[in-house]
Amino acid sequence: MTGAQDFERVLDSSDKNVASFEHQEISFLKRAQHFLHSTPAAVPLIVLVLAIIIFGIAIGGRFFSSYTLTLILQQIAIVGILGAAQTLVILTAGIDLSIGVIMVISAVIMGNFAITYGIPTPIAVILGMLVGGVCGLLNGFLVAYMKLPPFIVTLGTWNIVMATNFIYSANETIRDADVDAQAPLLHFFALSFKVGNAVLTLGVIAMVLLVLGLWYVLNHTAWGRHVYAVGDDPEAAKLSGIQTKRVLLTVYAISGVIAAFAAWVSIGRNGSISPSSAVTDFNLQAITATVIGGISLFGGRGSILGTLFGAMIVGVVSMGLNMLGADPQWKVLLTGVLIIAAVAIDQWIRKVSV
């Protein structure tokens, strides 16, 4: 009993102050850094709004007309869809240099099967989608199972698919009139409708719905969380039970299918089907929209909504400079500045978790 009393006496004389941590005021810059880290689409959205305001002031009311703004959306529809495909790959810390030529060869397949071979157009469209999916699966297999670098793999398949496109098509263009006469379904996404004074095409609607659908999948499904996890830290993802190889395979396959879908939209946009469009820098345009949209090239961070905003930024800058009568090279220069700035901001934002 005496021992217990001695113990209580010691406790009574002990320090009763509770440990506390010094409260440090968080600066505005730190708050902004935390906000941008948690809301990756905020930066491209802010840049987009600023670009619209600046060109609106410089050009006047013409720039804010519904015709101009909807024309911008029509011009970025193909790049926006390809950017969505590229986003999936970059989120896994990869890159796909072949999506542009996958789009072109898918369009060539659709056109030749529907018009040259007389196969029903819906079947021709499905075959084109399958070709895109197979190309994506090849990329995914080489990256996930053969452990080859995505850049090297897709650089190789870019050359293979482009050469196959020219060999198969003999570089023969399928004319707009022939598509209209024999396979009008291929022009489906060229159909337009009015909302007030604005003219929207089904291609624009398809782009927006695709981005919104992928945003939901990436943010509200297990597969979407696995994509982010694989891009952030593949070893940790593997240890947590995620089948990283299967995730990579499906990402590249879906990317190929989306590129083939962009092919269908591009036929509606362009009218004719030209194999020579394979030399167009669709890959760079898609990567540009993705990077400017805040998708981290290091993987695991970014919002696909940002990719849509990134494509719109490029569209706004291009349209604004055209309306001002500026030299086209200014668009190239500003695009380069935006890319470097986007990567620099991404590096700064990533430091919030260090």
Protein backbone atom coordinates (compact mmCIF):
# COMPACT_ATOMS: atom_id res chain seq x y z
CA MET A 1 0.00 0.00 0.00
CA THR A 2 2.90 2.32 0.81
CA GLY A 3 4.35 1.64 -2.63
CA ALA A 4 1.10 2.68 -4.26
CA GLN A 5 1.02 5.92 -2.21
CA ASP A 6 4.61 6.71 -3.21
CA PHE A 7 3.66 6.14 -6.87
CA GLU A 8 0.69 8.54 -6.59
CA ARG A 9 2.90 11.13 -4.85
CA VAL A 10 5.35 10.99 -7.77
CA LEU A 11 2.52 11.40 -10.27
CA ASP A 12 1.17 14.43 -8.38
CA SER A 13 4.53 16.17 -8.57
CA SER A 14 5.10 15.36 -12.26
CA ASP A 15 4.75 17.90 -15.07
CA LYS A 16 1.14 18.02 -16.26
CA ASN A 17 1.73 20.16 -19.38
CA VAL A 18 0.39 18.59 -22.59
CA ALA A 19 2.75 18.39 -25.54
CA SER A 20 1.84 20.87 -28.26
CA PHE A 21 3.14 21.74 -31.69
CA GLU A 22 3.92 25.23 -32.80
CA HIS A 23 1.28 26.49 -35.21
CA GLN A 24 2.86 27.76 -38.40
CA GLU A 25 0.92 30.09 -40.65
CA ILE A 26 0.57 28.65 -44.16
CA SER A 27 1.44 31.18 -46.86
CA PHE A 28 -0.83 31.96 -49.78
CA LEU A 29 1.67 30.31 -52.14
CA LYS A 30 1.57 27.09 -50.12
CA ARG A 31 -2.23 27.16 -50.06
CA ALA A 32 -2.25 27.60 -53.84
CA GLN A 33 0.21 24.72 -54.20
CA HIS A 34 -1.99 22.43 -52.09
CA PHE A 35 -5.12 23.46 -54.01
CA LEU A 36 -3.52 22.82 -57.40
CA HIS A 37 -2.18 19.48 -56.17
CA SER A 38 -5.67 18.36 -55.18
CA THR A 39 -7.35 19.92 -58.26
CA PRO A 40 -5.05 19.20 -61.24
CA ALA A 41 -7.53 20.54 -63.83
CA ALA A 42 -7.52 24.00 -62.20
CA VAL A 43 -4.33 25.27 -63.90
CA PRO A 44 -5.42 24.59 -67.50
CA LEU A 45 -8.91 25.93 -66.72
CA ILE A 46 -7.43 29.19 -65.38
CA VAL A 47 -5.15 29.48 -68.43
CA LEU A 48 -8.10 28.81 -70.74
CA VAL A 49 -10.24 31.53 -69.14
CA LEU A 50 -7.33 34.00 -69.26
CA ALA A 51 -6.67 33.18 -72.93
CA ILE A 52 -10.33 33.77 -73.81
CA ILE A 53 -10.37 37.08 -71.91
CA ILE A 54 -7.10 38.31 -73.48
CA PHE A 55 -8.10 37.48 -77.05
CA GLY A 56 -11.61 38.77 -76.39
CA ILE A 57 -10.21 42.15 -75.35
CA ALA A 58 -7.75 42.22 -78.27
CA ILE A 59 -10.25 41.17 -80.94
CA GLY A 60 -13.53 42.43 -79.56
CA GLY A 61 -17.04 41.02 -79.66
CA ARG A 62 -16.38 38.85 -82.71
CA PHE A 63 -14.25 36.50 -80.62
CA PHE A 64 -17.04 35.96 -78.08
CA SER A 65 -19.60 35.09 -80.76
CA SER A 66 -21.15 31.65 -80.43
CA TYR A 67 -20.02 30.87 -83.99
CA THR A 68 -16.35 31.45 -83.14
CA LEU A 69 -16.41 29.51 -79.89
CA THR A 70 -18.22 26.52 -81.40
CA LEU A 71 -15.87 26.59 -84.40
CA ILE A 72 -12.98 26.20 -81.96
CA LEU A 73 -14.69 23.12 -80.50
CA GLN A 74 -15.16 21.64 -83.98
CA GLN A 75 -11.49 22.17 -84.79
CA ILE A 76 -10.23 20.46 -81.63
CA ALA A 77 -12.62 17.47 -81.68
CA ILE A 78 -10.11 15.04 -83.21
CA VAL A 79 -7.19 16.23 -81.09
CA GLY A 80 -9.39 16.14 -77.98
CA ILE A 81 -10.30 12.50 -78.58
CA LEU A 82 -6.70 11.51 -79.32
CA GLY A 83 -5.65 13.48 -76.24
CA ALA A 84 -8.03 11.37 -74.14
CA ALA A 85 -6.33 8.22 -75.46
CA GLN A 86 -2.91 9.70 -74.78
CA THR A 87 -3.98 10.67 -71.25
CA LEU A 88 -4.68 7.06 -70.28
CA VAL A 89 -1.19 6.04 -71.38
CA ILE A 90 0.63 8.98 -69.78
CA LEU A 91 -1.17 8.38 -66.47
CA THR A 92 0.67 5.04 -66.35
CA ALA A 93 3.98 6.93 -66.86
CA GLY A 94 4.11 5.81 -70.50
CA ILE A 95 3.69 7.51 -73.85
CA ASP A 96 2.13 6.47 -77.16
CA LEU A 97 3.72 7.91 -80.28
CA SER A 98 1.61 5.71 -82.56
CA ILE A 99 -1.96 6.83 -81.85
CA GLY A 100 -1.96 9.28 -84.78
CA VAL A 101 -1.09 6.61 -87.37
CA ILE A 102 -3.41 4.10 -85.66
CA MET A 103 -6.18 6.63 -86.28
CA VAL A 104 -5.22 7.01 -89.95
CA ILE A 105 -4.95 3.28 -90.72
CA SER A 106 -8.28 2.67 -88.94
CA ALA A 107 -9.90 5.32 -91.17
CA VAL A 108 -8.34 3.71 -94.26
CA ILE A 109 -9.66 0.29 -93.19
CA MET A 110 -13.16 1.68 -92.62
CA GLY A 111 -13.18 3.47 -95.97
CA ASN A 112 -11.76 0.62 -98.07
CA PHE A 113 -13.95 -2.07 -96.55
CA ALA A 114 -17.11 0.02 -96.88
CA ILE A 115 -16.48 1.57 -100.30
CA THR A 116 -13.91 -0.53 -102.19
CA TYR A 117 -15.06 -3.96 -100.96
CA GLY A 118 -18.74 -3.09 -100.52
CA ILE A 119 -18.99 -4.46 -96.96
CA PRO A 120 -21.85 -2.95 -94.89
CA THR A 121 -20.65 0.25 -93.23
CA PRO A 122 -21.38 -0.79 -89.61
CA ILE A 123 -19.19 -3.89 -90.09
CA ALA A 124 -16.47 -1.75 -91.71
CA VAL A 125 -16.54 0.59 -88.70
CA ILE A 126 -16.25 -2.36 -86.30
CA LEU A 127 -13.31 -3.76 -88.30
CA GLY A 128 -11.59 -0.37 -88.11
CA MET A 129 -12.12 -0.34 -84.34
CA LEU A 130 -10.69 -3.87 -84.10
CA VAL A 131 -7.58 -2.81 -86.03
CA GLY A 132 -7.08 0.06 -83.57
CA GLY A 133 -7.55 -2.30 -80.64
CA VAL A 134 -5.08 -4.85 -82.04
CA CYS A 135 -2.45 -2.13 -82.56
CA GLY A 136 -2.99 -1.00 -78.97
CA LEU A 137 -2.75 -4.58 -77.71
CA LEU A 138 0.57 -4.99 -79.50
CA ASN A 139 1.91 -1.87 -77.80
CA GLY A 140 0.57 -3.02 -74.43
CA PHE A 141 2.04 -6.52 -74.77
CA LEU A 142 5.50 -5.21 -75.63
CA VAL A 143 5.42 -2.69 -72.76
CA ALA A 144 3.80 -4.82 -70.06
CA TYR A 145 5.11 -8.32 -70.78
CA MET A 146 8.32 -7.75 -72.74
CA LYS A 147 9.31 -4.87 -70.40
CA LEU A 148 10.32 -2.61 -73.29
CA PRO A 149 10.29 1.21 -72.85
CA PRO A 150 7.00 2.75 -74.07
CA PHE A 151 8.82 5.43 -76.05
CA ILE A 152 10.86 2.87 -78.05
CA VAL A 153 7.92 0.49 -78.51
CA THR A 154 5.51 3.11 -79.84
CA LEU A 155 8.21 4.76 -81.95
CA GLY A 156 8.72 1.38 -83.60
CA THR A 157 5.02 0.64 -84.06
CA TRP A 158 4.52 4.17 -85.38
CA ASN A 159 6.89 3.36 -88.26
CA ILE A 160 5.40 -0.12 -88.78
CA VAL A 161 1.79 1.07 -88.84
CA MET A 162 2.58 4.07 -91.06
CA ALA A 163 4.39 1.89 -93.60
CA THR A 164 1.56 -0.68 -93.51
CA ASN A 165 -0.93 2.13 -94.09
CA PHE A 166 0.86 3.29 -97.26
CA ILE A 167 1.49 -0.25 -98.58
CA TYR A 168 -2.10 -1.38 -98.04
CA SER A 169 -3.79 1.77 -99.40
CA ALA A 170 -1.29 2.44 -102.22
CA ASN A 171 -1.66 6.03 -100.95
CA GLU A 172 -5.00 6.35 -102.75
CA THR A 173 -7.45 8.90 -101.32
CA ILE A 174 -11.12 7.99 -101.02
CA ARG A 175 -13.09 11.00 -102.17
CA ASP A 176 -15.73 12.81 -100.15
CA ALA A 177 -18.35 12.22 -102.87
CA ASP A 178 -17.71 8.45 -102.83
CA VAL A 179 -18.10 8.32 -99.05
CA ASP A 180 -21.38 10.26 -99.27
CA ALA A 181 -22.73 8.04 -102.03
CA GLN A 182 -21.72 4.60 -100.76
CA ALA A 183 -21.10 4.89 -97.00
CA PRO A 184 -22.85 7.96 -95.57
CA LEU A 185 -22.64 6.46 -92.08
CA LEU A 186 -18.92 7.30 -92.11
CA HIS A 187 -19.96 10.97 -92.18
CA PHE A 188 -22.21 10.50 -89.16
CA PHE A 189 -20.14 12.73 -86.88
CA ALA A 190 -20.30 15.58 -89.40
CA LEU A 191 -24.01 16.01 -88.67
CA SER A 192 -24.69 19.29 -86.92
CA PHE A 193 -27.47 21.00 -84.98
CA LYS A 194 -28.09 24.45 -83.61
CA VAL A 195 -28.29 25.57 -80.00
CA GLY A 196 -29.30 29.19 -80.33
CA ASN A 197 -26.73 30.68 -82.67
CA ALA A 198 -24.17 28.01 -81.86
CA VAL A 199 -23.59 25.19 -84.34
CA LEU A 200 -22.43 21.93 -82.77
CA THR A 201 -21.43 18.77 -84.60
CA LEU A 202 -21.90 15.24 -83.31
CA GLY A 203 -18.10 14.98 -83.33
CA VAL A 204 -17.91 17.68 -80.64
CA ILE A 205 -20.62 15.96 -78.59
CA ALA A 206 -18.74 12.66 -78.94
CA MET A 207 -15.52 14.26 -77.68
CA VAL A 208 -17.22 15.78 -74.64
CA LEU A 209 -19.11 12.59 -73.76
CA LEU A 210 -15.96 10.49 -74.15
CA VAL A 211 -13.97 12.75 -71.82
CA LEU A 212 -16.76 12.83 -69.24
CA GLY A 213 -17.14 9.05 -69.42
CA LEU A 214 -13.42 8.47 -68.95
CA TRP A 215 -13.35 11.00 -66.11
CA TYR A 216 -16.02 8.99 -64.29
CA VAL A 217 -14.20 5.68 -64.92
CA LEU A 218 -10.83 7.05 -63.76
CA ASN A 219 -12.26 8.61 -60.60
CA HIS A 220 -15.03 6.24 -59.55
CA THR A 221 -13.99 2.71 -60.53
CA ALA A 222 -11.37 0.28 -59.25
CA TRP A 223 -9.78 0.11 -62.71
CA GLY A 224 -9.35 3.88 -62.77
CA ARG A 225 -7.68 3.88 -59.35
CA HIS A 226 -5.41 1.08 -60.54
CA VAL A 227 -4.33 3.19 -63.54
CA TYR A 228 -3.27 6.02 -61.23
CA ALA A 229 -1.56 3.59 -58.84
CA VAL A 230 0.46 1.94 -61.63
CA GLY A 231 1.58 5.34 -62.89
CA ASP A 232 2.49 6.63 -59.43
CA ASP A 233 4.49 3.63 -58.21
CA PRO A 234 4.25 0.34 -60.17
CA GLU A 235 6.18 -1.68 -57.56
CA ALA A 236 3.95 -0.51 -54.71
CA ALA A 237 0.88 -1.18 -56.88
CA LYS A 238 2.10 -4.71 -57.57
CA LEU A 239 2.75 -5.37 -53.87
CA SER A 240 -0.77 -4.17 -53.04
CA GLY A 241 -2.24 -6.85 -55.29
CA ILE A 242 -2.87 -4.86 -58.48
CA GLN A 243 -2.20 -6.83 -61.66
CA THR A 244 -0.01 -4.16 -63.21
CA LYS A 245 0.60 -6.03 -66.47
CA ARG A 246 -3.10 -6.44 -67.11
CA VAL A 247 -3.72 -2.76 -66.32
CA LEU A 248 -1.03 -1.67 -68.82
CA LEU A 249 -2.35 -4.05 -71.46
CA THR A 250 -5.91 -2.76 -71.15
CA VAL A 251 -4.77 0.88 -71.10
CA TYR A 252 -2.91 0.55 -74.41
CA ALA A 253 -5.72 -1.51 -75.95
CA ILE A 254 -8.36 1.06 -74.97
CA SER A 255 -6.07 3.81 -76.24
CA GLY A 256 -5.96 2.05 -79.63
CA VAL A 257 -9.75 1.70 -79.75
CA ILE A 258 -10.19 5.39 -78.89
CA ALA A 259 -7.73 6.28 -81.69
CA ALA A 260 -9.87 4.21 -84.07
CA PHE A 261 -12.96 6.05 -82.82
CA ALA A 262 -11.14 9.32 -83.59
CA ALA A 263 -10.71 7.94 -87.13
CA TRP A 264 -14.48 7.74 -87.55
CA VAL A 265 -14.86 11.29 -86.25
CA SER A 266 -12.05 12.50 -88.53
CA ILE A 267 -13.83 11.11 -91.61
CA GLY A 268 -16.85 13.22 -90.69
CA ARG A 269 -14.63 16.24 -90.09
CA ASN A 270 -12.47 15.94 -93.23
CA GLY A 271 -14.93 14.36 -95.64
CA SER A 272 -12.40 12.36 -97.59
CA ILE A 273 -10.08 9.57 -96.36
CA SER A 274 -6.43 10.27 -97.10
CA PRO A 275 -3.66 7.80 -96.15
CA SER A 276 -1.11 10.63 -96.54
CA SER A 277 -2.54 12.29 -93.42
CA ALA A 278 -0.41 9.79 -91.50
CA VAL A 279 2.45 12.28 -91.81
CA THR A 280 0.41 14.93 -89.95
CA ASP A 281 1.65 15.55 -86.42
CA PHE A 282 -1.45 14.18 -84.68
CA ASN A 283 0.78 12.52 -82.06
CA LEU A 284 2.44 15.78 -81.09
CA GLN A 285 -0.89 17.61 -81.02
CA ALA A 286 -2.37 15.00 -78.67
CA ILE A 287 0.70 15.05 -76.41
CA THR A 288 0.62 18.86 -76.40
CA ALA A 289 -3.03 18.95 -75.30
CA THR A 290 -2.30 16.37 -72.60
CA VAL A 291 0.77 18.11 -71.17
CA ILE A 292 -0.77 21.60 -71.29
CA GLY A 293 -3.81 20.02 -69.63
CA GLY A 294 -1.75 19.23 -66.53
CA ILE A 295 -1.25 15.48 -66.98
CA SER A 296 2.09 14.67 -65.37
CA LEU A 297 4.60 13.02 -67.71
CA PHE A 298 5.89 11.17 -64.64
CA GLY A 299 2.53 9.36 -64.32
CA GLY A 300 -0.04 8.99 -61.57
CA ARG A 301 -1.31 12.59 -61.50
CA GLY A 302 -3.71 14.70 -63.51
CA SER A 303 -7.33 14.91 -64.62
CA ILE A 304 -8.61 14.00 -68.06
CA LEU A 305 -10.77 17.13 -67.88
CA GLY A 306 -7.49 19.03 -67.99
CA THR A 307 -6.71 17.39 -71.34
CA LEU A 308 -9.95 18.79 -72.75
CA PHE A 309 -9.04 22.23 -71.39
CA GLY A 310 -5.53 21.83 -72.85
CA ALA A 311 -6.93 21.10 -76.31
CA MET A 312 -9.23 24.11 -75.97
CA ILE A 313 -6.29 26.34 -74.97
CA VAL A 314 -4.45 25.40 -78.17
CA GLY A 315 -7.65 25.96 -80.16
CA VAL A 316 -8.28 29.37 -78.58
CA VAL A 317 -4.69 30.51 -79.15
CA SER A 318 -4.78 29.32 -82.77
CA MET A 319 -8.13 30.96 -83.52
CA GLY A 320 -7.20 34.17 -81.71
CA LEU A 321 -3.92 34.57 -83.61
CA ASN A 322 -5.66 33.81 -86.92
CA MET A 323 -8.28 36.47 -86.25
CA LEU A 324 -5.52 38.95 -85.38
CA GLY A 325 -3.76 38.15 -88.65
CA ALA A 326 -0.57 37.10 -86.84
CA ASP A 327 2.19 35.00 -88.35
CA PRO A 328 1.32 31.26 -87.87
CA GLN A 329 4.72 30.71 -86.27
CA TRP A 330 3.52 32.65 -83.23
CA LYS A 331 1.15 29.77 -82.52
CA VAL A 332 4.09 27.35 -82.60
CA LEU A 333 6.12 29.63 -80.32
CA LEU A 334 3.31 30.09 -77.78
CA THR A 335 2.57 26.37 -77.78
CA GLY A 336 6.21 25.66 -76.92
CA VAL A 337 6.10 28.20 -74.10
CA LEU A 338 2.89 26.65 -72.74
CA ILE A 339 4.39 23.14 -72.79
CA ILE A 340 7.50 24.20 -70.86
CA ALA A 341 5.41 26.23 -68.40
CA ALA A 342 3.03 23.29 -67.85
CA VAL A 343 5.88 20.89 -67.03
CA ALA A 344 7.52 23.46 -64.73
CA ILE A 345 4.24 24.02 -62.86
CA ASP A 346 3.75 20.25 -62.58
CA GLN A 347 7.21 19.90 -61.00
CA TRP A 348 6.41 22.67 -58.54
CA ILE A 349 3.04 21.17 -57.62
CA ARG A 350 4.56 17.71 -57.09
CA LYS A 351 6.85 19.13 -54.38
CA VAL A 352 3.82 19.52 -52.11
CA SER A 353 4.00 15.82 -51.28
CA VAL A 354 7.77 15.78 -50.69
